Amino acid sequence: NARIETVLEKSSFKNALQRRRCIVPFDGFYEWKKTTAGKQPYRIQTTDQEIFTIAGLWEKWKAPDGEYVFTFTLITQDPNQKLKHIHDRMPAILNREQEDLWLSNEIPPGDLIQMIRPYPDELITFYPVSTRVNNVRENDATLIEPISLENKTDGTLF
């Protein structure tokens, strides 16, 4: 991830910010909340966009075998008020109007960074999901289904 606070200065991101911006589509993402019972994953979505985008940067590099590899990183920022109880960072979710601006070569990178703000609280929803999402061998539709936290040992949601 590329922290929005330092993306203009870090040499690893500065050139990509100038020339290689991208948007990455999502229908949701996970964050983990530390609890006394361990880390609880939450699925986070937007309520106004079924598919939303996150500001990103891409790179192309040559692997030792001579093949080109394309990679990307997501821009992250401080969370909105709703998500700060789950995690101390959140991805830079773009609204539809910001997508074209983010991809534009006509706008200085500093101005683009200034336009990004945490996605509005009222447009974010989240729910707990199974800790099975922690296992890369797990891959089925039940991973995005909500679970009940009634059996939590600390008795709190936040």
N, C-alpha and C. Protein backbone atom coordinates (compact mmCIF):
# COMPACT_ATOMS: atom_id res chain seq x y z
N ASN A 1 0.83 -1.19 0.00
CA ASN A 1 0.00 0.00 0.00
C ASN A 1 0.87 1.25 0.00
N ALA A 2 0.37 2.31 -0.59
CA ALA A 2 1.05 3.59 -0.64
C ALA A 2 0.26 4.58 0.23
N ARG A 3 0.89 5.05 1.26
CA ARG A 3 0.23 6.00 2.17
C ARG A 3 0.09 7.35 1.49
N ILE A 4 -1.12 7.88 1.50
CA ILE A 4 -1.39 9.15 0.83
C ILE A 4 -0.56 10.29 1.40
N GLU A 5 -0.21 10.19 2.68
CA GLU A 5 0.55 11.26 3.34
C GLU A 5 1.97 11.37 2.80
N THR A 6 2.52 10.28 2.26
CA THR A 6 3.92 10.29 1.83
C THR A 6 4.12 9.94 0.36
N VAL A 7 3.05 9.71 -0.37
CA VAL A 7 3.17 9.25 -1.75
C VAL A 7 3.86 10.27 -2.66
N LEU A 8 3.74 11.55 -2.35
CA LEU A 8 4.39 12.58 -3.16
C LEU A 8 5.90 12.62 -2.96
N GLU A 9 6.39 12.15 -1.81
CA GLU A 9 7.81 12.22 -1.50
C GLU A 9 8.57 10.91 -1.70
N LYS A 10 7.92 9.79 -1.48
CA LYS A 10 8.63 8.51 -1.54
C LYS A 10 9.07 8.19 -2.95
N SER A 11 10.35 7.90 -3.10
CA SER A 11 10.88 7.62 -4.44
C SER A 11 10.23 6.39 -5.06
N SER A 12 9.80 5.45 -4.23
CA SER A 12 9.17 4.25 -4.76
C SER A 12 7.81 4.52 -5.39
N PHE A 13 7.20 5.67 -5.09
CA PHE A 13 5.87 5.98 -5.62
C PHE A 13 5.82 7.27 -6.43
N LYS A 14 6.78 8.15 -6.25
CA LYS A 14 6.73 9.48 -6.86
C LYS A 14 6.57 9.43 -8.39
N ASN A 15 7.36 8.62 -9.07
CA ASN A 15 7.26 8.54 -10.53
C ASN A 15 5.95 7.91 -10.98
N ALA A 16 5.51 6.89 -10.29
CA ALA A 16 4.24 6.26 -10.64
C ALA A 16 3.09 7.25 -10.46
N LEU A 17 3.16 8.07 -9.42
CA LEU A 17 2.11 9.07 -9.20
C LEU A 17 2.06 10.06 -10.36
N GLN A 18 3.20 10.38 -10.93
CA GLN A 18 3.26 11.30 -12.07
C GLN A 18 2.67 10.68 -13.34
N ARG A 19 2.95 9.41 -13.59
CA ARG A 19 2.67 8.83 -14.91
C ARG A 19 1.88 7.53 -14.94
N ARG A 20 1.76 6.85 -13.81
CA ARG A 20 1.17 5.52 -13.84
C ARG A 20 0.10 5.35 -12.75
N ARG A 21 -0.93 6.15 -12.86
CA ARG A 21 -2.06 6.01 -11.94
C ARG A 21 -3.07 5.03 -12.54
N CYS A 22 -3.77 4.33 -11.67
CA CYS A 22 -4.80 3.40 -12.13
C CYS A 22 -5.96 3.42 -11.14
N ILE A 23 -7.06 2.84 -11.54
CA ILE A 23 -8.17 2.62 -10.62
C ILE A 23 -8.40 1.11 -10.55
N VAL A 24 -8.67 0.63 -9.36
CA VAL A 24 -8.81 -0.81 -9.13
C VAL A 24 -10.24 -1.08 -8.67
N PRO A 25 -10.99 -1.89 -9.43
CA PRO A 25 -12.40 -2.15 -9.06
C PRO A 25 -12.52 -3.14 -7.91
N PHE A 26 -13.49 -2.88 -7.06
CA PHE A 26 -13.79 -3.73 -5.90
C PHE A 26 -15.30 -3.84 -5.74
N ASP A 27 -15.75 -4.93 -5.13
CA ASP A 27 -17.13 -4.99 -4.67
C ASP A 27 -17.15 -5.05 -3.15
N GLY A 28 -15.98 -5.10 -2.55
CA GLY A 28 -15.83 -5.09 -1.11
C GLY A 28 -14.38 -5.40 -0.77
N PHE A 29 -14.01 -5.14 0.47
CA PHE A 29 -12.67 -5.47 0.94
C PHE A 29 -12.77 -5.85 2.41
N TYR A 30 -11.71 -6.45 2.91
CA TYR A 30 -11.67 -6.89 4.30
C TYR A 30 -10.71 -6.03 5.11
N GLU A 31 -11.08 -5.81 6.36
CA GLU A 31 -10.16 -5.27 7.36
C GLU A 31 -10.36 -6.10 8.62
N TRP A 32 -9.31 -6.17 9.43
CA TRP A 32 -9.34 -6.98 10.64
C TRP A 32 -9.29 -6.09 11.86
N LYS A 33 -10.22 -6.33 12.79
CA LYS A 33 -10.25 -5.61 14.06
C LYS A 33 -9.62 -6.48 15.12
N LYS A 34 -8.68 -5.89 15.86
CA LYS A 34 -8.08 -6.61 16.97
C LYS A 34 -9.06 -6.64 18.13
N THR A 35 -9.31 -7.83 18.65
CA THR A 35 -10.18 -8.00 19.82
C THR A 35 -9.45 -8.88 20.83
N THR A 36 -10.01 -8.99 22.00
CA THR A 36 -9.39 -9.86 23.01
C THR A 36 -9.43 -11.33 22.57
N ALA A 37 -10.36 -11.66 21.67
CA ALA A 37 -10.47 -13.03 21.18
C ALA A 37 -9.62 -13.28 19.93
N GLY A 38 -8.91 -12.27 19.47
CA GLY A 38 -8.11 -12.39 18.25
C GLY A 38 -8.54 -11.36 17.22
N LYS A 39 -8.10 -11.55 16.00
CA LYS A 39 -8.46 -10.62 14.93
C LYS A 39 -9.75 -11.07 14.25
N GLN A 40 -10.72 -10.16 14.22
CA GLN A 40 -12.01 -10.44 13.59
C GLN A 40 -12.08 -9.73 12.24
N PRO A 41 -12.25 -10.50 11.13
CA PRO A 41 -12.37 -9.85 9.81
C PRO A 41 -13.76 -9.26 9.59
N TYR A 42 -13.78 -8.14 8.89
CA TYR A 42 -15.02 -7.48 8.48
C TYR A 42 -14.97 -7.27 6.97
N ARG A 43 -16.11 -7.45 6.34
CA ARG A 43 -16.23 -7.12 4.91
C ARG A 43 -16.81 -5.72 4.84
N ILE A 44 -16.18 -4.87 4.05
CA ILE A 44 -16.57 -3.47 3.94
C ILE A 44 -17.00 -3.21 2.50
N GLN A 45 -18.12 -2.49 2.35
CA GLN A 45 -18.66 -2.16 1.04
C GLN A 45 -19.15 -0.72 1.04
N THR A 46 -19.41 -0.21 -0.16
CA THR A 46 -20.07 1.09 -0.26
C THR A 46 -21.55 0.84 -0.49
N THR A 47 -22.38 1.76 -0.06
CA THR A 47 -23.83 1.59 -0.23
C THR A 47 -24.34 2.26 -1.49
N ASP A 48 -23.53 3.13 -2.09
CA ASP A 48 -23.98 3.87 -3.28
C ASP A 48 -23.42 3.31 -4.58
N GLN A 49 -22.49 2.37 -4.52
CA GLN A 49 -21.89 1.81 -5.72
C GLN A 49 -21.69 0.30 -5.50
N GLU A 50 -22.31 -0.51 -6.34
CA GLU A 50 -22.13 -1.96 -6.21
C GLU A 50 -20.67 -2.34 -6.49
N ILE A 51 -20.10 -1.73 -7.51
CA ILE A 51 -18.68 -1.86 -7.80
C ILE A 51 -18.08 -0.47 -7.61
N PHE A 52 -17.05 -0.36 -6.80
CA PHE A 52 -16.41 0.93 -6.56
C PHE A 52 -14.94 0.80 -6.91
N THR A 53 -14.26 1.93 -6.97
CA THR A 53 -12.85 1.89 -7.34
C THR A 53 -12.00 2.51 -6.25
N ILE A 54 -10.75 2.05 -6.22
CA ILE A 54 -9.76 2.55 -5.28
C ILE A 54 -8.61 3.11 -6.10
N ALA A 55 -8.12 4.27 -5.69
CA ALA A 55 -6.99 4.90 -6.37
C ALA A 55 -5.75 4.03 -6.22
N GLY A 56 -5.05 3.83 -7.34
CA GLY A 56 -3.86 3.00 -7.31
C GLY A 56 -2.75 3.55 -8.20
N LEU A 57 -1.61 2.89 -8.09
CA LEU A 57 -0.44 3.18 -8.92
C LEU A 57 0.05 1.86 -9.48
N TRP A 58 0.55 1.88 -10.72
CA TRP A 58 1.04 0.63 -11.30
C TRP A 58 2.49 0.76 -11.73
N GLU A 59 3.14 -0.38 -11.82
CA GLU A 59 4.54 -0.46 -12.26
C GLU A 59 4.69 -1.63 -13.21
N LYS A 60 5.72 -1.55 -14.04
CA LYS A 60 6.12 -2.65 -14.91
C LYS A 60 7.61 -2.85 -14.68
N TRP A 61 8.01 -4.08 -14.42
CA TRP A 61 9.43 -4.36 -14.22
C TRP A 61 9.77 -5.70 -14.87
N LYS A 62 11.03 -5.86 -15.11
CA LYS A 62 11.51 -7.06 -15.80
C LYS A 62 12.04 -8.05 -14.77
N ALA A 63 11.47 -9.23 -14.78
CA ALA A 63 11.89 -10.30 -13.87
C ALA A 63 13.21 -10.89 -14.35
N PRO A 64 13.93 -11.60 -13.48
CA PRO A 64 15.20 -12.21 -13.88
C PRO A 64 15.09 -13.14 -15.09
N ASP A 65 13.91 -13.74 -15.31
CA ASP A 65 13.75 -14.62 -16.47
C ASP A 65 13.45 -13.85 -17.76
N GLY A 66 13.44 -12.50 -17.68
CA GLY A 66 13.20 -11.68 -18.86
C GLY A 66 11.75 -11.32 -19.10
N GLU A 67 10.84 -11.92 -18.36
CA GLU A 67 9.41 -11.61 -18.49
C GLU A 67 9.10 -10.28 -17.81
N TYR A 68 8.15 -9.53 -18.40
CA TYR A 68 7.69 -8.31 -17.75
C TYR A 68 6.60 -8.64 -16.75
N VAL A 69 6.67 -7.99 -15.62
CA VAL A 69 5.70 -8.19 -14.55
C VAL A 69 5.01 -6.85 -14.29
N PHE A 70 3.69 -6.89 -14.27
CA PHE A 70 2.91 -5.70 -13.95
C PHE A 70 2.39 -5.83 -12.53
N THR A 71 2.57 -4.80 -11.73
CA THR A 71 2.11 -4.80 -10.34
C THR A 71 1.36 -3.50 -10.07
N PHE A 72 0.62 -3.48 -8.98
CA PHE A 72 -0.03 -2.24 -8.56
C PHE A 72 -0.05 -2.16 -7.05
N THR A 73 -0.24 -0.95 -6.57
CA THR A 73 -0.40 -0.71 -5.14
C THR A 73 -1.62 0.17 -4.96
N LEU A 74 -2.27 0.05 -3.83
CA LEU A 74 -3.43 0.88 -3.50
C LEU A 74 -3.00 2.06 -2.67
N ILE A 75 -3.65 3.19 -2.87
CA ILE A 75 -3.45 4.37 -2.03
C ILE A 75 -4.29 4.17 -0.77
N THR A 76 -3.68 4.38 0.39
CA THR A 76 -4.43 4.30 1.65
C THR A 76 -4.37 5.63 2.37
N GLN A 77 -5.30 5.80 3.30
CA GLN A 77 -5.42 7.05 4.05
C GLN A 77 -5.97 6.75 5.43
N ASP A 78 -6.06 7.78 6.25
CA ASP A 78 -6.72 7.61 7.54
C ASP A 78 -8.17 7.19 7.30
N PRO A 79 -8.74 6.42 8.21
CA PRO A 79 -10.11 5.95 8.00
C PRO A 79 -11.14 7.04 8.28
N ASN A 80 -12.35 6.83 7.78
CA ASN A 80 -13.44 7.72 8.17
C ASN A 80 -13.85 7.37 9.61
N GLN A 81 -14.75 8.13 10.17
CA GLN A 81 -15.15 7.92 11.57
C GLN A 81 -15.78 6.54 11.78
N LYS A 82 -16.51 6.07 10.81
CA LYS A 82 -17.20 4.78 10.94
C LYS A 82 -16.22 3.61 10.99
N LEU A 83 -15.15 3.68 10.21
CA LEU A 83 -14.21 2.55 10.13
C LEU A 83 -13.06 2.64 11.11
N LYS A 84 -12.86 3.78 11.75
CA LYS A 84 -11.69 3.90 12.63
C LYS A 84 -11.76 2.94 13.81
N HIS A 85 -12.94 2.43 14.11
CA HIS A 85 -13.08 1.45 15.20
C HIS A 85 -12.62 0.06 14.77
N ILE A 86 -12.48 -0.13 13.46
CA ILE A 86 -12.04 -1.43 12.94
C ILE A 86 -10.55 -1.40 12.63
N HIS A 87 -10.09 -0.36 11.92
CA HIS A 87 -8.71 -0.32 11.45
C HIS A 87 -8.23 1.11 11.38
N ASP A 88 -6.91 1.31 11.44
CA ASP A 88 -6.36 2.67 11.44
C ASP A 88 -6.09 3.22 10.03
N ARG A 89 -6.39 2.44 8.99
CA ARG A 89 -6.22 2.88 7.60
C ARG A 89 -7.44 2.42 6.80
N MET A 90 -7.64 3.07 5.67
CA MET A 90 -8.65 2.62 4.72
C MET A 90 -8.17 2.96 3.31
N PRO A 91 -8.62 2.22 2.31
CA PRO A 91 -8.22 2.55 0.94
C PRO A 91 -8.86 3.86 0.49
N ALA A 92 -8.22 4.50 -0.49
CA ALA A 92 -8.72 5.75 -1.06
C ALA A 92 -9.80 5.42 -2.08
N ILE A 93 -11.03 5.30 -1.61
CA ILE A 93 -12.17 4.98 -2.47
C ILE A 93 -12.54 6.24 -3.24
N LEU A 94 -12.71 6.08 -4.54
CA LEU A 94 -13.06 7.20 -5.41
C LEU A 94 -14.55 7.19 -5.73
N ASN A 95 -15.15 8.37 -5.81
CA ASN A 95 -16.51 8.42 -6.35
C ASN A 95 -16.40 8.50 -7.87
N ARG A 96 -17.50 8.34 -8.56
CA ARG A 96 -17.47 8.27 -10.03
C ARG A 96 -16.82 9.51 -10.67
N GLU A 97 -17.07 10.69 -10.13
CA GLU A 97 -16.51 11.92 -10.68
C GLU A 97 -14.99 11.96 -10.51
N GLN A 98 -14.48 11.38 -9.46
CA GLN A 98 -13.04 11.40 -9.20
C GLN A 98 -12.26 10.42 -10.07
N GLU A 99 -12.91 9.40 -10.60
CA GLU A 99 -12.20 8.39 -11.39
C GLU A 99 -11.48 8.99 -12.59
N ASP A 100 -12.19 9.76 -13.40
CA ASP A 100 -11.57 10.37 -14.57
C ASP A 100 -10.48 11.36 -14.17
N LEU A 101 -10.71 12.09 -13.09
CA LEU A 101 -9.70 13.04 -12.62
C LEU A 101 -8.42 12.31 -12.21
N TRP A 102 -8.57 11.20 -11.48
CA TRP A 102 -7.41 10.43 -11.02
C TRP A 102 -6.57 9.93 -12.20
N LEU A 103 -7.22 9.59 -13.29
CA LEU A 103 -6.53 9.05 -14.46
C LEU A 103 -6.00 10.14 -15.40
N SER A 104 -6.41 11.37 -15.17
CA SER A 104 -6.03 12.47 -16.06
C SER A 104 -4.56 12.86 -15.91
N ASN A 105 -3.90 13.08 -17.04
CA ASN A 105 -2.53 13.59 -17.01
C ASN A 105 -2.49 15.11 -16.99
N GLU A 106 -3.65 15.73 -17.00
CA GLU A 106 -3.75 17.19 -17.04
C GLU A 106 -3.73 17.82 -15.65
N ILE A 107 -3.92 17.02 -14.62
CA ILE A 107 -4.03 17.55 -13.26
C ILE A 107 -2.76 17.21 -12.49
N PRO A 108 -2.15 18.21 -11.85
CA PRO A 108 -0.94 17.93 -11.07
C PRO A 108 -1.20 16.92 -9.95
N PRO A 109 -0.25 16.01 -9.72
CA PRO A 109 -0.43 14.98 -8.68
C PRO A 109 -0.80 15.56 -7.31
N GLY A 110 -0.21 16.69 -6.95
CA GLY A 110 -0.55 17.29 -5.65
C GLY A 110 -2.02 17.65 -5.54
N ASP A 111 -2.60 18.13 -6.63
CA ASP A 111 -4.03 18.46 -6.64
C ASP A 111 -4.87 17.19 -6.53
N LEU A 112 -4.42 16.12 -7.17
CA LEU A 112 -5.15 14.86 -7.09
C LEU A 112 -5.16 14.33 -5.66
N ILE A 113 -4.02 14.41 -5.01
CA ILE A 113 -3.92 13.95 -3.63
C ILE A 113 -4.85 14.77 -2.73
N GLN A 114 -4.93 16.06 -2.98
CA GLN A 114 -5.79 16.94 -2.18
C GLN A 114 -7.28 16.61 -2.34
N MET A 115 -7.68 16.06 -3.49
CA MET A 115 -9.11 15.78 -3.70
C MET A 115 -9.56 14.52 -2.95
N ILE A 116 -8.62 13.68 -2.56
CA ILE A 116 -8.99 12.42 -1.91
C ILE A 116 -9.25 12.64 -0.43
N ARG A 117 -10.41 12.25 -0.02
CA ARG A 117 -10.83 12.31 1.38
C ARG A 117 -11.42 10.95 1.75
N PRO A 118 -11.45 10.60 3.02
CA PRO A 118 -12.09 9.34 3.40
C PRO A 118 -13.54 9.30 2.89
N TYR A 119 -13.93 8.14 2.38
CA TYR A 119 -15.27 7.99 1.84
C TYR A 119 -16.28 8.28 2.96
N PRO A 120 -17.39 8.95 2.63
CA PRO A 120 -18.35 9.36 3.66
C PRO A 120 -18.88 8.20 4.51
N ASP A 121 -18.97 8.44 5.81
CA ASP A 121 -19.47 7.44 6.75
C ASP A 121 -20.80 6.84 6.30
N GLU A 122 -21.71 7.71 5.87
CA GLU A 122 -23.06 7.26 5.53
C GLU A 122 -23.11 6.40 4.27
N LEU A 123 -22.01 6.33 3.53
CA LEU A 123 -21.97 5.53 2.30
C LEU A 123 -21.13 4.25 2.45
N ILE A 124 -20.79 3.94 3.69
CA ILE A 124 -20.00 2.73 4.00
C ILE A 124 -20.84 1.81 4.87
N THR A 125 -20.75 0.53 4.57
CA THR A 125 -21.38 -0.48 5.42
C THR A 125 -20.36 -1.59 5.65
N PHE A 126 -20.49 -2.29 6.75
CA PHE A 126 -19.59 -3.40 7.04
C PHE A 126 -20.28 -4.42 7.91
N TYR A 127 -19.74 -5.63 7.90
CA TYR A 127 -20.28 -6.69 8.74
C TYR A 127 -19.18 -7.72 8.99
N PRO A 128 -19.26 -8.44 10.12
CA PRO A 128 -18.26 -9.47 10.41
C PRO A 128 -18.43 -10.68 9.49
N VAL A 129 -17.30 -11.28 9.14
CA VAL A 129 -17.30 -12.50 8.33
C VAL A 129 -16.44 -13.55 9.02
N SER A 130 -16.51 -14.75 8.53
CA SER A 130 -15.79 -15.87 9.11
C SER A 130 -14.27 -15.65 9.07
N THR A 131 -13.58 -16.12 10.08
CA THR A 131 -12.12 -16.07 10.09
C THR A 131 -11.52 -17.02 9.05
N ARG A 132 -12.36 -17.77 8.36
CA ARG A 132 -11.87 -18.60 7.25
C ARG A 132 -11.22 -17.75 6.17
N VAL A 133 -11.56 -16.45 6.10
CA VAL A 133 -10.93 -15.59 5.09
C VAL A 133 -9.44 -15.46 5.33
N ASN A 134 -8.97 -15.83 6.50
CA ASN A 134 -7.54 -15.76 6.82
C ASN A 134 -6.73 -16.88 6.14
N ASN A 135 -7.40 -17.86 5.59
CA ASN A 135 -6.74 -19.02 5.00
C ASN A 135 -6.81 -18.92 3.47
N VAL A 136 -5.68 -18.79 2.81
CA VAL A 136 -5.66 -18.63 1.34
C VAL A 136 -6.19 -19.86 0.61
N ARG A 137 -6.25 -21.00 1.28
CA ARG A 137 -6.80 -22.20 0.64
C ARG A 137 -8.33 -22.17 0.59
N GLU A 138 -8.94 -21.30 1.36
CA GLU A 138 -10.40 -21.16 1.37
C GLU A 138 -10.80 -20.22 0.23
N ASN A 139 -11.81 -20.61 -0.55
CA ASN A 139 -12.24 -19.77 -1.66
C ASN A 139 -13.65 -20.19 -2.09
N ASP A 140 -14.64 -19.70 -1.38
CA ASP A 140 -16.02 -19.99 -1.76
C ASP A 140 -16.90 -18.82 -1.35
N ALA A 141 -18.12 -18.83 -1.83
CA ALA A 141 -19.04 -17.71 -1.64
C ALA A 141 -19.41 -17.48 -0.17
N THR A 142 -19.27 -18.48 0.67
CA THR A 142 -19.65 -18.28 2.08
C THR A 142 -18.69 -17.33 2.80
N LEU A 143 -17.53 -17.06 2.21
CA LEU A 143 -16.57 -16.17 2.86
C LEU A 143 -17.07 -14.73 2.97
N ILE A 144 -18.04 -14.36 2.14
CA ILE A 144 -18.56 -12.99 2.22
C ILE A 144 -19.90 -12.90 2.94
N GLU A 145 -20.34 -14.03 3.50
CA GLU A 145 -21.60 -14.02 4.24
C GLU A 145 -21.38 -13.50 5.66
N PRO A 146 -22.34 -12.69 6.15
CA PRO A 146 -22.22 -12.18 7.52
C PRO A 146 -22.28 -13.31 8.55
N ILE A 147 -21.59 -13.11 9.65
CA ILE A 147 -21.69 -14.04 10.78
C ILE A 147 -22.17 -13.27 11.99
N SER A 148 -22.62 -14.00 12.99
CA SER A 148 -23.05 -13.40 14.24
C SER A 148 -21.86 -13.32 15.19
N LEU A 149 -21.79 -12.24 15.93
CA LEU A 149 -20.73 -12.10 16.94
C LEU A 149 -21.27 -12.30 18.35
N GLU A 150 -22.41 -12.97 18.46
CA GLU A 150 -23.02 -13.19 19.78
C GLU A 150 -22.13 -13.95 20.73
N ASN A 151 -21.26 -14.81 20.21
CA ASN A 151 -20.41 -15.63 21.06
C ASN A 151 -19.07 -14.98 21.37
N LYS A 152 -18.94 -13.70 21.07
CA LYS A 152 -17.67 -13.03 21.36
C LYS A 152 -17.41 -13.05 22.86
N THR A 153 -16.15 -13.24 23.22
CA THR A 153 -15.81 -13.33 24.64
C THR A 153 -15.75 -11.98 25.31
N ASP A 154 -15.48 -10.87 24.58
CA ASP A 154 -15.39 -9.58 25.26
C ASP A 154 -16.71 -8.85 25.32
N GLY A 155 -17.77 -9.37 24.64
CA GLY A 155 -19.11 -8.84 24.77
C GLY A 155 -19.33 -7.49 24.09
N THR A 156 -18.41 -7.03 23.26
CA THR A 156 -18.60 -5.73 22.62
C THR A 156 -18.45 -5.87 21.12
N LEU A 157 -19.06 -4.94 20.40
CA LEU A 157 -18.88 -4.91 18.96
C LEU A 157 -17.64 -4.10 18.62
N PHE A 158 -17.35 -3.04 19.34
CA PHE A 158 -16.19 -2.18 19.07
C PHE A 158 -15.30 -2.11 20.29
